[in-house]
Amino acid sequence: MKIGLYISSSCAKDPLAYAFANLLSEGLGNRVQTLTRHDKLDPTLDLVHILGGNDLYSCRLISTTASKHIPSLYSPLGEILPWANTQSSMRFVLQKSMMKSSQAIHAWSKTEQNYLESVLQCVDLVFIPNAVVTRTISKEDMCDKFIKLYQKIIDTHVEMAIDRGLRQDVYSLLQIGLDYNLLQDKPFIGGVTSRIQTFSEEQWRHIMLYSYDQGIIDYIHNALERLQIRIPLMDIRQIKTFDNSIRQADCNEETIQTGNATDIVYATISKIIEDKKRGCPLLSRYASCYKLLHNADYDEDKLVEMLKRNHLFQKAKKLMTDMQEITGLSEGFIPALLYSVPNN
């Protein structure tokens, strides 16, 4: 675990806050990388923790971490409390923006926790007392709680840790889990095997958590069994995370079962298109669509007619490109009139 710690100017000016920052930095040891205004953000960081900060730079730092797919934790250190906040209205707006943009908020007192609970919605809030001023927690326990909190945030937002390269490897494993015949493609299998055998335990943790969230964990297990690859033992369901929309979703492959085969294929395609409007559909939906296009006895002409009638034809053509990348869907299983997929 590699944590970027940013000590804001307001934190550095407050003796109590600065003592807390130093205590945390010492307790993290070699896990921590102290950040300054002049540093370029290290893309290999697992999380960025911002201490204090009611300025434009701190707000910009949280935005930068998001663009680099790095989760962030924000500790206001009491600065947001009404009686402590003597800043301009603009600084108050910045603080509010930081709290909404970070993946979690840390409160260092019960008073701060109670206030933040009254003004925040849909943000994970955690209370860890400041060991500098209280005997209710030791310095060692405080630092240990932060390490566990960092891991919990990373695990909850694991999709941020899946970069383009790792995502492609997840797709490859999904394809092997879907299609046993891929084992005959020696160059493809050799490339996948050589890459995943170099993965660290942390990378496997990310892959398995992400696959569980995306509802394709069974396919990944199938692929690993077919490749005879053993990975570090871990019970994904025992890993503690914050509740979020992905984990509250159905994490099993979901196939729409209403109507005849053509209706089912149409409903599955339209559901993925609908989900894409709101973000990224679960990979389990792509797996369902792959299996339907392979196995369902549907009427291609009627399917295309339904897509055109409901103004989904062009989006369905683009979806076939995604299907090829994610599931390895071959051209022979793409409906004839959707065969000419776009280049972008």
Foldseek 3Di string as FASTA:
>chain_A
DAEEEEEDPVQVVDPLSVVLSVLLVVLCPPNYDYDDLPDDDDLPHQEYEYEADLDPSLLVVLVVCVVSLHAYEYENVPCLDPVNPPDDPSSNVSVVSSQVSHQAYEYQDPVRVVVCVVVDDPHHYYYQHRCVPDPPDHSNRSSVVVVLVSVQSCLQSLVSVCDPVNLLLLLLLLQCLLDVVCVVVVVSLVVSVVVVVPDDLVSVSSSQSLLQLLLNNNSNVSSCVSNVHDGDDDDNVPRHYDDDDSVVDPSHQDFDDPDALLVRLLVLLVVQVVVVVVPHHRVSSLSNNLVSLVDGPHDLVVSCVVCVVVVNNLVSLQVVVVSCSRNVRDLVSDRPVSSPHDPD
